[in-house]
């Protein structure tokens, strides 16, 4: 995906998180619960309710899902979030300004 500087990246991450939570088949718990929790945290962040441990929680969820999910969907569900954090470390922080 290519975006210009008018796109709210937090909103993009919320939609990506919601997609993976919706598409999870629920066969394995790391994906079923991880994608739901990931979507919940991203929606809360986008609403302005950012907590100090959100970034660490999202990164850890990503590691667990990547390492333990049965299929590629669960293994890839966190890649956009982890990559966005790597590129824009303040994106998931309370002081983020567009």
N, C-alpha and C. Protein backbone atom coordinates (compact mmCIF):
# COMPACT_ATOMS: atom_id res chain seq x y z
N UNK A 1 0.83 -1.17 0.00
CA UNK A 1 0.00 0.00 0.00
C UNK A 1 0.88 1.24 0.00
N UNK A 2 0.43 2.23 -0.69
CA UNK A 2 1.14 3.50 -0.75
C UNK A 2 0.17 4.58 -0.27
N UNK A 3 0.64 5.42 0.63
CA UNK A 3 -0.17 6.50 1.18
C UNK A 3 0.58 7.81 1.09
N UNK A 4 -0.17 8.89 0.98
CA UNK A 4 0.48 10.20 1.08
C UNK A 4 0.39 10.66 2.53
N UNK A 5 0.84 11.88 2.78
CA UNK A 5 0.91 12.36 4.17
C UNK A 5 -0.44 12.80 4.73
N UNK A 6 -1.53 12.66 3.97
CA UNK A 6 -2.85 13.02 4.48
C UNK A 6 -3.55 11.84 5.15
N UNK A 7 -2.99 10.66 5.04
CA UNK A 7 -3.61 9.45 5.58
C UNK A 7 -3.27 9.31 7.05
N UNK A 8 -4.27 9.00 7.86
CA UNK A 8 -4.07 8.75 9.28
C UNK A 8 -3.62 7.30 9.45
N UNK A 9 -2.35 7.11 9.74
CA UNK A 9 -1.81 5.76 9.84
C UNK A 9 -2.42 4.96 10.99
N UNK A 10 -2.82 5.64 12.03
CA UNK A 10 -3.49 4.93 13.11
C UNK A 10 -4.79 4.31 12.60
N UNK A 11 -5.53 5.04 11.78
CA UNK A 11 -6.78 4.52 11.22
C UNK A 11 -6.50 3.33 10.30
N UNK A 12 -5.45 3.41 9.53
CA UNK A 12 -5.07 2.29 8.66
C UNK A 12 -4.78 1.05 9.50
N UNK A 13 -4.04 1.22 10.58
CA UNK A 13 -3.72 0.09 11.45
C UNK A 13 -4.97 -0.48 12.10
N UNK A 14 -5.91 0.38 12.46
CA UNK A 14 -7.17 -0.09 13.04
C UNK A 14 -7.90 -0.98 12.03
N UNK A 15 -7.97 -0.54 10.78
CA UNK A 15 -8.65 -1.32 9.75
C UNK A 15 -7.92 -2.64 9.47
N UNK A 16 -6.61 -2.61 9.48
CA UNK A 16 -5.83 -3.84 9.28
C UNK A 16 -6.08 -4.80 10.45
N UNK A 17 -6.05 -4.27 11.67
CA UNK A 17 -6.32 -5.10 12.85
C UNK A 17 -7.71 -5.71 12.82
N UNK A 18 -8.70 -4.91 12.43
CA UNK A 18 -10.08 -5.41 12.34
C UNK A 18 -10.20 -6.48 11.27
N UNK A 19 -9.51 -6.30 10.15
CA UNK A 19 -9.53 -7.30 9.08
C UNK A 19 -9.02 -8.64 9.60
N UNK A 20 -7.86 -8.64 10.24
CA UNK A 20 -7.29 -9.90 10.71
C UNK A 20 -8.16 -10.53 11.81
N UNK A 21 -8.74 -9.73 12.67
CA UNK A 21 -9.61 -10.28 13.72
C UNK A 21 -10.85 -10.92 13.08
N UNK A 22 -11.39 -10.29 12.06
CA UNK A 22 -12.57 -10.83 11.37
C UNK A 22 -12.24 -12.11 10.59
N UNK A 23 -11.09 -12.16 9.98
CA UNK A 23 -10.71 -13.28 9.12
C UNK A 23 -10.17 -14.48 9.89
N UNK A 24 -9.83 -14.31 11.15
CA UNK A 24 -9.31 -15.43 11.92
C UNK A 24 -10.38 -16.52 12.00
N UNK A 25 -9.99 -17.76 11.71
CA UNK A 25 -10.95 -18.87 11.74
C UNK A 25 -11.22 -19.33 13.16
N UNK A 26 -10.36 -18.99 14.10
CA UNK A 26 -10.55 -19.38 15.49
C UNK A 26 -10.03 -20.76 15.82
N UNK A 27 -9.35 -21.39 14.87
CA UNK A 27 -8.85 -22.75 15.09
C UNK A 27 -7.73 -22.79 16.13
N UNK A 28 -6.88 -21.78 16.13
CA UNK A 28 -5.81 -21.77 17.14
C UNK A 28 -5.96 -20.51 18.00
N UNK A 29 -5.75 -20.67 19.28
CA UNK A 29 -5.94 -19.57 20.22
C UNK A 29 -5.00 -18.40 20.03
N UNK A 30 -3.73 -18.62 19.68
CA UNK A 30 -2.86 -17.44 19.51
C UNK A 30 -3.42 -16.46 18.49
N UNK A 31 -3.95 -16.97 17.40
CA UNK A 31 -4.52 -16.10 16.37
C UNK A 31 -5.89 -15.59 16.79
N UNK A 32 -6.75 -16.47 17.25
CA UNK A 32 -8.10 -16.08 17.64
C UNK A 32 -8.09 -14.98 18.69
N UNK A 33 -7.36 -15.19 19.75
CA UNK A 33 -7.34 -14.22 20.84
C UNK A 33 -6.38 -13.07 20.55
N UNK A 34 -5.27 -13.38 19.88
CA UNK A 34 -4.28 -12.34 19.58
C UNK A 34 -4.81 -11.29 18.62
N UNK A 35 -5.50 -11.72 17.56
CA UNK A 35 -6.02 -10.74 16.61
C UNK A 35 -7.14 -9.91 17.23
N UNK A 36 -7.96 -10.53 18.07
CA UNK A 36 -9.02 -9.77 18.75
C UNK A 36 -8.43 -8.74 19.70
N UNK A 37 -7.45 -9.13 20.46
CA UNK A 37 -6.78 -8.21 21.40
C UNK A 37 -6.05 -7.10 20.65
N UNK A 38 -5.38 -7.47 19.57
CA UNK A 38 -4.67 -6.49 18.74
C UNK A 38 -5.65 -5.45 18.20
N UNK A 39 -6.79 -5.89 17.67
CA UNK A 39 -7.79 -4.97 17.12
C UNK A 39 -8.34 -4.07 18.22
N UNK A 40 -8.57 -4.63 19.39
CA UNK A 40 -9.09 -3.85 20.52
C UNK A 40 -8.11 -2.75 20.93
N UNK A 41 -6.85 -3.08 21.05
CA UNK A 41 -5.83 -2.10 21.46
C UNK A 41 -5.69 -1.02 20.40
N UNK A 42 -5.65 -1.41 19.12
CA UNK A 42 -5.51 -0.43 18.04
C UNK A 42 -6.70 0.52 17.99
N UNK A 43 -7.91 0.01 18.19
CA UNK A 43 -9.10 0.87 18.19
C UNK A 43 -9.05 1.85 19.36
N UNK A 44 -8.60 1.39 20.50
CA UNK A 44 -8.50 2.27 21.67
C UNK A 44 -7.46 3.35 21.43
N UNK A 45 -6.32 2.98 20.84
CA UNK A 45 -5.28 3.96 20.53
C UNK A 45 -5.81 5.01 19.56
N UNK A 46 -6.50 4.56 18.52
CA UNK A 46 -7.04 5.49 17.53
C UNK A 46 -8.07 6.44 18.14
N UNK A 47 -8.74 5.99 19.18
CA UNK A 47 -9.72 6.83 19.87
C UNK A 47 -9.06 7.80 20.84
N UNK A 48 -7.74 7.71 20.97
CA UNK A 48 -7.01 8.64 21.83
C UNK A 48 -6.71 8.12 23.21
N UNK A 49 -7.11 6.90 23.51
CA UNK A 49 -6.85 6.30 24.82
C UNK A 49 -5.61 5.42 24.73
N UNK A 50 -4.44 6.06 24.75
CA UNK A 50 -3.18 5.34 24.63
C UNK A 50 -2.62 5.08 26.02
N UNK A 51 -2.28 3.84 26.27
CA UNK A 51 -1.70 3.47 27.56
C UNK A 51 -0.21 3.20 27.40
N UNK A 52 0.55 3.41 28.46
CA UNK A 52 2.02 3.30 28.36
C UNK A 52 2.53 1.96 27.83
N UNK A 53 1.83 0.87 28.14
CA UNK A 53 2.32 -0.45 27.73
C UNK A 53 1.73 -0.96 26.42
N UNK A 54 0.95 -0.13 25.72
CA UNK A 54 0.29 -0.58 24.49
C UNK A 54 1.28 -1.05 23.43
N UNK A 55 2.32 -0.30 23.18
CA UNK A 55 3.27 -0.67 22.15
C UNK A 55 3.94 -2.00 22.49
N UNK A 56 4.40 -2.14 23.71
CA UNK A 56 5.04 -3.40 24.12
C UNK A 56 4.07 -4.57 24.02
N UNK A 57 2.82 -4.35 24.38
CA UNK A 57 1.82 -5.41 24.29
C UNK A 57 1.59 -5.82 22.84
N UNK A 58 1.46 -4.83 21.95
CA UNK A 58 1.26 -5.14 20.54
C UNK A 58 2.45 -5.89 19.94
N UNK A 59 3.65 -5.48 20.30
CA UNK A 59 4.85 -6.16 19.79
C UNK A 59 4.91 -7.59 20.32
N UNK A 60 4.63 -7.79 21.59
CA UNK A 60 4.65 -9.13 22.18
C UNK A 60 3.54 -10.01 21.58
N UNK A 61 2.35 -9.45 21.39
CA UNK A 61 1.28 -10.19 20.74
C UNK A 61 1.73 -10.65 19.35
N UNK A 62 2.39 -9.76 18.65
CA UNK A 62 2.89 -10.09 17.32
C UNK A 62 3.88 -11.24 17.35
N UNK A 63 4.79 -11.20 18.30
CA UNK A 63 5.78 -12.29 18.41
C UNK A 63 5.09 -13.62 18.69
N UNK A 64 4.16 -13.60 19.62
CA UNK A 64 3.46 -14.84 19.98
C UNK A 64 2.66 -15.36 18.79
N UNK A 65 1.92 -14.49 18.12
CA UNK A 65 1.13 -14.94 16.97
C UNK A 65 2.03 -15.47 15.85
N UNK A 66 3.12 -14.78 15.57
CA UNK A 66 4.03 -15.21 14.51
C UNK A 66 4.65 -16.56 14.84
N UNK A 67 5.02 -16.76 16.08
CA UNK A 67 5.70 -17.99 16.48
C UNK A 67 4.78 -19.19 16.68
N UNK A 68 3.50 -18.96 17.03
CA UNK A 68 2.67 -20.08 17.46
C UNK A 68 1.39 -20.30 16.66
N UNK A 69 1.05 -19.40 15.76
CA UNK A 69 -0.18 -19.60 14.98
C UNK A 69 0.01 -20.73 13.97
N UNK A 70 -1.08 -21.41 13.67
CA UNK A 70 -1.04 -22.56 12.77
C UNK A 70 -0.83 -22.13 11.32
N UNK A 71 -1.51 -21.07 10.90
CA UNK A 71 -1.48 -20.70 9.48
C UNK A 71 -0.82 -19.34 9.26
N UNK A 72 -0.69 -19.01 8.00
CA UNK A 72 -0.05 -17.75 7.61
C UNK A 72 -0.81 -16.52 8.03
N UNK A 73 -2.13 -16.60 8.14
CA UNK A 73 -2.90 -15.43 8.56
C UNK A 73 -2.48 -15.00 9.96
N UNK A 74 -2.48 -15.92 10.88
CA UNK A 74 -2.07 -15.60 12.24
C UNK A 74 -0.62 -15.20 12.34
N UNK A 75 0.22 -15.83 11.53
CA UNK A 75 1.64 -15.52 11.55
C UNK A 75 1.93 -14.13 11.00
N UNK A 76 1.08 -13.64 10.10
CA UNK A 76 1.31 -12.34 9.46
C UNK A 76 0.45 -11.22 10.03
N UNK A 77 -0.43 -11.54 10.96
CA UNK A 77 -1.41 -10.56 11.45
C UNK A 77 -0.79 -9.31 12.06
N UNK A 78 0.40 -9.41 12.57
CA UNK A 78 1.00 -8.27 13.26
C UNK A 78 2.06 -7.55 12.43
N UNK A 79 2.36 -8.04 11.27
CA UNK A 79 3.47 -7.47 10.51
C UNK A 79 3.31 -5.99 10.23
N UNK A 80 2.12 -5.54 9.86
CA UNK A 80 1.92 -4.11 9.56
C UNK A 80 2.14 -3.26 10.81
N UNK A 81 1.67 -3.74 11.95
CA UNK A 81 1.81 -2.99 13.20
C UNK A 81 3.28 -2.92 13.61
N UNK A 82 3.95 -4.06 13.56
CA UNK A 82 5.37 -4.10 13.94
C UNK A 82 6.19 -3.24 12.99
N UNK A 83 5.91 -3.31 11.70
CA UNK A 83 6.65 -2.51 10.73
C UNK A 83 6.37 -1.02 10.91
N UNK A 84 5.11 -0.66 11.16
CA UNK A 84 4.77 0.75 11.40
C UNK A 84 5.51 1.27 12.63
N UNK A 85 5.58 0.45 13.67
CA UNK A 85 6.30 0.86 14.88
C UNK A 85 7.80 1.02 14.60
N UNK A 86 8.35 0.14 13.79
CA UNK A 86 9.77 0.23 13.45
C UNK A 86 10.06 1.51 12.66
N UNK A 87 9.17 1.85 11.74
CA UNK A 87 9.39 3.04 10.89
C UNK A 87 9.02 4.35 11.59
N UNK A 88 7.94 4.32 12.38
CA UNK A 88 7.47 5.52 13.07
C UNK A 88 7.25 5.18 14.55
N UNK A 89 8.31 5.16 15.34
CA UNK A 89 8.22 4.73 16.74
C UNK A 89 7.23 5.51 17.60
N UNK A 90 6.94 6.74 17.25
CA UNK A 90 6.01 7.53 18.08
C UNK A 90 4.55 7.36 17.66
N UNK A 91 4.29 6.61 16.59
CA UNK A 91 2.93 6.45 16.07
C UNK A 91 1.95 5.91 17.11
N UNK A 92 2.40 5.00 17.94
CA UNK A 92 1.52 4.37 18.92
C UNK A 92 1.68 4.95 20.31
N UNK A 93 2.26 6.13 20.39
CA UNK A 93 2.48 6.80 21.68
C UNK A 93 1.45 7.92 21.86
N UNK A 94 1.19 8.30 23.11
CA UNK A 94 0.20 9.35 23.37
C UNK A 94 0.54 10.69 22.74
N UNK A 95 1.81 11.01 22.61
CA UNK A 95 2.21 12.33 22.13
C UNK A 95 2.27 12.42 20.61
N UNK A 96 1.79 11.38 19.90
CA UNK A 96 1.85 11.36 18.43
C UNK A 96 1.02 12.52 17.85
N UNK A 97 1.64 13.24 16.97
CA UNK A 97 0.97 14.32 16.25
C UNK A 97 1.13 14.07 14.77
N UNK A 98 0.06 14.22 14.02
CA UNK A 98 0.13 14.01 12.57
C UNK A 98 0.89 15.11 11.91
